[in-house]
N, C-alpha and C. Protein backbone atom coordinates (compact mmCIF):
# COMPACT_ATOMS: atom_id res chain seq x y z
N UNK A 1 91.52 119.05 101.48
CA UNK A 1 91.12 120.17 102.56
C UNK A 1 91.35 119.81 104.35
N UNK A 2 92.54 120.69 104.39
CA UNK A 2 93.13 121.16 105.46
C UNK A 2 92.67 120.43 106.81
N UNK A 3 93.42 119.89 107.97
CA UNK A 3 93.54 119.35 108.96
C UNK A 3 93.01 120.64 109.96
N UNK A 4 92.97 120.58 110.81
CA UNK A 4 93.49 122.08 111.53
C UNK A 4 93.55 121.09 113.52
N UNK A 5 94.69 121.53 113.91
CA UNK A 5 95.10 121.18 115.01
C UNK A 5 95.27 121.96 116.47
N UNK A 6 94.55 121.40 117.16
CA UNK A 6 93.70 122.62 118.09
C UNK A 6 94.90 122.70 119.00
N UNK A 7 95.93 122.08 119.58
CA UNK A 7 96.81 121.87 120.89
C UNK A 7 98.09 121.52 120.68
N UNK A 8 99.07 122.29 121.26
CA UNK A 8 100.40 121.48 120.99
C UNK A 8 101.11 120.45 120.87
N UNK A 9 101.19 119.59 121.56
CA UNK A 9 101.35 118.03 121.84
C UNK A 9 100.81 117.65 120.38
N UNK A 10 99.44 118.06 120.15
CA UNK A 10 98.96 117.36 118.65
C UNK A 10 100.12 117.43 117.47
N UNK A 11 100.32 118.65 117.58
CA UNK A 11 101.14 119.49 116.37
C UNK A 11 102.54 118.58 117.00
N UNK A 12 103.30 118.43 118.33
CA UNK A 12 104.71 117.72 118.11
C UNK A 12 104.59 116.14 117.44
N UNK A 13 103.50 115.81 117.51
CA UNK A 13 103.02 114.70 117.03
C UNK A 13 103.90 114.15 116.04
N UNK A 14 102.24 115.44 114.93
CA UNK A 14 102.69 114.53 113.73
C UNK A 14 103.73 115.40 113.03
N UNK A 15 105.01 116.23 113.88
CA UNK A 15 106.47 116.71 113.21
C UNK A 15 107.18 115.34 112.56
N UNK A 16 106.68 114.43 113.49
CA UNK A 16 107.93 113.21 113.09
C UNK A 16 107.67 112.26 111.55
N UNK A 17 105.97 113.19 111.73
CA UNK A 17 105.75 112.05 109.74
C UNK A 17 105.41 113.16 109.43
N UNK A 18 106.03 113.76 109.50
CA UNK A 18 106.04 115.68 108.37
C UNK A 18 107.07 115.31 107.71
N UNK A 19 106.78 116.40 105.97
CA UNK A 19 107.90 116.66 105.24
C UNK A 19 108.64 117.73 105.70
N UNK A 20 107.43 118.79 105.57
CA UNK A 20 108.00 120.14 105.54
C UNK A 20 106.98 121.48 106.81
N UNK A 21 107.33 121.99 107.00
CA UNK A 21 106.40 123.06 107.85
C UNK A 21 106.28 124.97 106.81
N UNK A 22 105.50 125.05 106.75
CA UNK A 22 105.44 126.22 106.40
C UNK A 22 104.70 127.54 108.06
N UNK A 23 105.44 128.79 107.98
CA UNK A 23 105.16 129.83 108.77
C UNK A 23 104.18 130.56 108.14
N UNK A 24 103.71 131.32 108.14
CA UNK A 24 102.90 132.15 107.92
C UNK A 24 102.68 133.36 109.23
N UNK A 25 102.72 134.60 109.34
CA UNK A 25 102.73 135.32 110.69
C UNK A 25 102.17 136.40 110.27
N UNK A 26 100.64 136.75 110.60
CA UNK A 26 99.84 137.51 110.03
C UNK A 26 99.26 138.44 111.53
N UNK A 27 99.50 139.67 111.25
CA UNK A 27 98.78 140.59 112.63
C UNK A 27 99.97 139.99 114.14
N UNK A 28 99.35 139.36 115.11
CA UNK A 28 99.68 138.46 116.43
C UNK A 28 99.70 137.92 116.42
N UNK A 29 98.91 137.00 114.78
CA UNK A 29 99.68 135.43 114.70
C UNK A 29 100.11 134.75 113.90
N UNK A 30 99.88 133.48 114.17
CA UNK A 30 101.57 133.03 113.11
C UNK A 30 100.50 131.74 112.85
N UNK A 31 100.06 130.69 111.64
CA UNK A 31 99.69 129.62 111.11
C UNK A 31 101.24 128.57 111.41
N UNK A 32 100.95 127.27 111.59
CA UNK A 32 101.97 127.02 111.28
C UNK A 32 101.27 125.43 110.20
N UNK A 33 101.80 125.10 109.38
CA UNK A 33 101.04 124.30 108.17
C UNK A 33 101.87 123.01 108.28
N UNK A 34 102.06 121.58 108.42
CA UNK A 34 102.28 120.69 108.33
C UNK A 34 102.39 119.88 106.91
N UNK A 35 102.79 120.05 106.52
CA UNK A 35 102.55 119.13 104.76
C UNK A 35 102.95 117.49 105.50
N UNK A 36 102.52 116.03 105.51
CA UNK A 36 103.12 114.72 105.21
C UNK A 36 102.93 114.45 103.87
N UNK A 37 102.89 113.19 103.96
CA UNK A 37 102.90 112.35 102.91
C UNK A 37 101.10 113.25 101.77
N UNK A 38 100.34 112.30 102.96
CA UNK A 38 98.64 112.32 102.49
C UNK A 38 97.75 113.19 103.05
N UNK A 39 97.82 114.15 103.91
CA UNK A 39 97.76 115.59 104.26
C UNK A 39 98.50 116.54 105.10
N UNK A 40 97.37 117.38 104.86
CA UNK A 40 98.01 118.83 105.25
C UNK A 40 97.02 119.34 106.43
N UNK A 41 98.24 120.04 107.73
CA UNK A 41 97.14 119.77 109.07
C UNK A 41 97.85 121.23 109.28
N UNK A 42 96.63 121.73 110.17
CA UNK A 42 97.28 123.47 110.41
C UNK A 42 97.57 124.02 112.18
N UNK A 43 97.65 125.06 112.22
CA UNK A 43 98.13 125.11 113.84
C UNK A 43 98.36 126.41 113.53
N UNK A 44 97.03 127.46 114.46
CA UNK A 44 97.32 128.71 114.58
C UNK A 44 97.57 129.01 115.93
N UNK A 45 98.68 130.03 115.99
CA UNK A 45 98.46 130.02 117.65
C UNK A 45 99.55 131.50 117.37
N UNK A 46 100.01 131.97 118.47
CA UNK A 46 100.55 132.97 119.05
C UNK A 46 102.14 133.58 118.37
N UNK A 47 102.30 134.37 117.84
CA UNK A 47 103.68 134.49 117.72
C UNK A 47 105.07 133.98 118.11
N UNK A 48 105.57 134.87 119.38
CA UNK A 48 105.62 133.60 120.43
C UNK A 48 106.06 132.73 120.81
N UNK A 49 104.53 131.50 120.94
CA UNK A 49 104.69 130.34 120.64
C UNK A 49 104.97 129.92 119.29
N UNK A 50 104.85 130.30 118.68
CA UNK A 50 105.47 129.67 117.24
C UNK A 50 106.85 130.00 116.86
N UNK A 51 106.99 130.73 117.40
CA UNK A 51 108.85 130.80 117.36
C UNK A 51 109.89 129.49 119.14
N UNK A 52 109.01 129.65 120.16
CA UNK A 52 109.55 128.43 120.94
C UNK A 52 109.21 127.53 119.84
N UNK A 53 107.83 126.61 119.85
CA UNK A 53 108.37 125.30 118.26
C UNK A 53 109.07 125.79 117.09
N UNK A 54 108.96 126.31 116.47
CA UNK A 54 110.12 126.58 115.19
C UNK A 54 111.64 126.44 116.59
N UNK A 55 111.88 126.52 117.04
CA UNK A 55 113.47 126.47 117.58
C UNK A 55 113.88 124.73 117.63
N UNK A 56 113.00 123.99 117.73
CA UNK A 56 112.66 123.48 118.15
C UNK A 56 113.06 121.33 117.09
N UNK A 57 111.85 122.49 116.31
CA UNK A 57 111.92 121.43 114.65
C UNK A 57 113.06 121.03 113.83
N UNK A 58 113.30 120.07 113.23
CA UNK A 58 114.48 119.63 112.44
C UNK A 58 113.86 119.76 111.41
N UNK A 59 113.02 119.47 110.51
CA UNK A 59 112.73 118.99 109.22
C UNK A 59 112.69 120.91 108.77
N UNK A 60 112.43 120.45 107.39
CA UNK A 60 112.40 121.65 106.18
C UNK A 60 111.76 123.10 106.98
N UNK A 61 111.92 124.48 107.29
CA UNK A 61 110.70 125.04 107.20
C UNK A 61 111.09 125.93 106.73
N UNK A 62 109.52 126.69 105.87
CA UNK A 62 109.78 127.75 104.32
C UNK A 62 109.04 129.30 105.18
N UNK A 63 109.37 130.04 104.97
CA UNK A 63 108.70 131.25 105.32
C UNK A 63 107.18 131.76 104.09
N UNK A 64 106.07 131.90 105.06
CA UNK A 64 105.28 132.17 103.59
C UNK A 64 105.81 133.83 103.89
N UNK A 65 105.45 135.02 102.78
CA UNK A 65 105.16 136.43 103.27
C UNK A 65 104.05 136.84 103.09
């Protein structure tokens, strides 16, 4: 079962451990999924904030349609 992240700071801390990031855009929101070796984390935010976060990500990013 994935764990939900509620703020950006926690998401950025988990980026160091993450293997990949998947992005699902739906309506006016975006769901960012971080996969680590042991756990899946989910962060739901606005599309604009997701675009800002994705600019700084250095790991593999996959768009899900």
